[in-house]
Amino acid sequence: MKQVKQVLTPPILGGRPRKTVRIGLVLDLREEEGLGWGRVATEYTRRTGDFISKQTCKRRYYEGRSRDDQD
């Protein structure tokens, strides 16, 4: 019988690649300027030229806050 050589490949991850966001800017817009999520997203897009949704703003804001709490 013929032997088959097993090749291990990394698993294929589904979904979109994660968007790179300047978390410091999101934190400043939310905390220092007191903007809501929609306005944070609009202002982020205006300042950086890179579109970001309000849901992404919210998610990254809480990720950034939890990182600050761990440090």
C-alpha atoms as a PDB file:
ATOM      1  CA  MET A   1       0.000   0.000   0.000  1.00  0.00           C
ATOM      2  CA  LYS A   2       1.187   3.513  -0.812  1.00  0.00           C
ATOM      3  CA  GLN A   3       1.942   5.822   2.135  1.00  0.00           C
ATOM      4  CA  VAL A   4       0.546   9.330   2.109  1.00  0.00           C
ATOM      5  CA  LYS A   5       2.699  12.049   3.570  1.00  0.00           C
ATOM      6  CA  GLN A   6       0.745  14.291   5.944  1.00  0.00           C
ATOM      7  CA  VAL A   7       1.313  18.003   5.497  1.00  0.00           C
ATOM      8  CA  LEU A   8       0.273  20.279   8.327  1.00  0.00           C
ATOM      9  CA  THR A   9      -1.038  23.647   7.229  1.00  0.00           C
ATOM     10  CA  PRO A  10      -2.222  26.499   9.416  1.00  0.00           C
ATOM     11  CA  PRO A  11      -5.997  26.692   9.759  1.00  0.00           C
ATOM     12  CA  ILE A  12      -7.831  29.112   7.505  1.00  0.00           C
ATOM     13  CA  LEU A  13      -9.485  31.836   9.520  1.00  0.00           C
ATOM     14  CA  GLY A  14     -12.822  33.124   8.340  1.00  0.00           C
ATOM     15  CA  GLY A  15     -14.040  36.668   8.328  1.00  0.00           C
ATOM     16  CA  ARG A  16     -12.605  40.014   7.439  1.00  0.00           C
ATOM     17  CA  PRO A  17      -9.169  41.213   8.458  1.00  0.00           C
ATOM     18  CA  ARG A  18      -9.230  43.454  11.504  1.00  0.00           C
ATOM     19  CA  LYS A  19      -9.201  47.182  10.729  1.00  0.00           C
ATOM     20  CA  THR A  20      -6.287  49.165  12.120  1.00  0.00           C
ATOM     21  CA  VAL A  21      -7.545  52.015  14.296  1.00  0.00           C
ATOM     22  CA  ARG A  22      -5.738  54.763  16.214  1.00  0.00           C
ATOM     23  CA  ILE A  23      -7.164  53.886  19.626  1.00  0.00           C
ATOM     24  CA  GLY A  24      -5.678  56.988  21.269  1.00  0.00           C
ATOM     25  CA  LEU A  25      -7.674  59.225  18.939  1.00  0.00           C
ATOM     26  CA  VAL A  26     -10.878  57.284  19.621  1.00  0.00           C
ATOM     27  CA  LEU A  27     -10.290  57.545  23.386  1.00  0.00           C
ATOM     28  CA  ASP A  28      -9.633  61.301  23.148  1.00  0.00           C
ATOM     29  CA  LEU A  29     -12.690  61.974  21.013  1.00  0.00           C
ATOM     30  CA  ARG A  30     -14.919  60.061  23.407  1.00  0.00           C
ATOM     31  CA  GLU A  31     -13.466  61.135  26.767  1.00  0.00           C
ATOM     32  CA  GLU A  32     -11.936  64.572  26.200  1.00  0.00           C
ATOM     33  CA  GLU A  33     -14.403  65.958  23.676  1.00  0.00           C
ATOM     34  CA  GLY A  34     -17.427  64.026  24.998  1.00  0.00           C
ATOM     35  CA  LEU A  35     -18.717  62.930  21.590  1.00  0.00           C
ATOM     36  CA  GLY A  36     -21.222  60.122  21.017  1.00  0.00           C
ATOM     37  CA  TRP A  37     -20.351  57.028  18.982  1.00  0.00           C
ATOM     38  CA  GLY A  38     -21.681  58.358  15.679  1.00  0.00           C
ATOM     39  CA  ARG A  39     -19.862  61.646  16.052  1.00  0.00           C
ATOM     40  CA  VAL A  40     -16.673  59.875  17.126  1.00  0.00           C
ATOM     41  CA  ALA A  41     -16.849  57.834  13.908  1.00  0.00           C
ATOM     42  CA  THR A  42     -17.519  60.926  11.785  1.00  0.00           C
ATOM     43  CA  GLU A  43     -14.735  62.965  13.387  1.00  0.00           C
ATOM     44  CA  TYR A  44     -12.288  60.039  13.164  1.00  0.00           C
ATOM     45  CA  THR A  45     -13.050  59.748   9.446  1.00  0.00           C
ATOM     46  CA  ARG A  46     -12.651  63.501   8.957  1.00  0.00           C
ATOM     47  CA  ARG A  47      -9.308  63.651  10.781  1.00  0.00           C
ATOM     48  CA  THR A  48      -7.713  60.492   9.383  1.00  0.00           C
ATOM     49  CA  GLY A  49      -9.460  60.088   6.030  1.00  0.00           C
ATOM     50  CA  ASP A  50     -10.094  56.441   6.934  1.00  0.00           C
ATOM     51  CA  PHE A  51     -13.733  55.329   7.367  1.00  0.00           C
ATOM     52  CA  ILE A  52     -14.667  53.661  10.631  1.00  0.00           C
ATOM     53  CA  SER A  53     -18.132  52.621  11.787  1.00  0.00           C
ATOM     54  CA  LYS A  54     -19.634  53.633  15.103  1.00  0.00           C
ATOM     55  CA  GLN A  55     -19.726  49.971  16.154  1.00  0.00           C
ATOM     56  CA  THR A  56     -15.996  49.639  15.503  1.00  0.00           C
ATOM     57  CA  CYS A  57     -15.412  52.859  17.479  1.00  0.00           C
ATOM     58  CA  LYS A  58     -17.341  51.467  20.418  1.00  0.00           C
ATOM     59  CA  ARG A  59     -15.553  48.103  20.303  1.00  0.00           C
ATOM     60  CA  ARG A  60     -12.085  49.638  20.076  1.00  0.00           C
ATOM     61  CA  TYR A  61     -12.874  52.184  22.775  1.00  0.00           C
ATOM     62  CA  TYR A  62     -13.713  49.442  25.264  1.00  0.00           C
ATOM     63  CA  GLU A  63     -10.662  47.409  24.185  1.00  0.00           C
ATOM     64  CA  GLY A  64      -8.459  50.473  24.717  1.00  0.00           C
ATOM     65  CA  ARG A  65      -9.994  51.166  28.104  1.00  0.00           C
ATOM     66  CA  SER A  66      -9.504  47.570  29.252  1.00  0.00           C
ATOM     67  CA  ARG A  67      -5.841  47.720  28.130  1.00  0.00           C
ATOM     68  CA  ASP A  68      -5.335  50.879  30.188  1.00  0.00           C
ATOM     69  CA  ASP A  69      -6.898  49.180  33.221  1.00  0.00           C
ATOM     70  CA  GLN A  70      -4.470  46.237  32.924  1.00  0.00           C
ATOM     71  CA  ASP A  71      -1.361  48.474  32.805  1.00  0.00           C
END
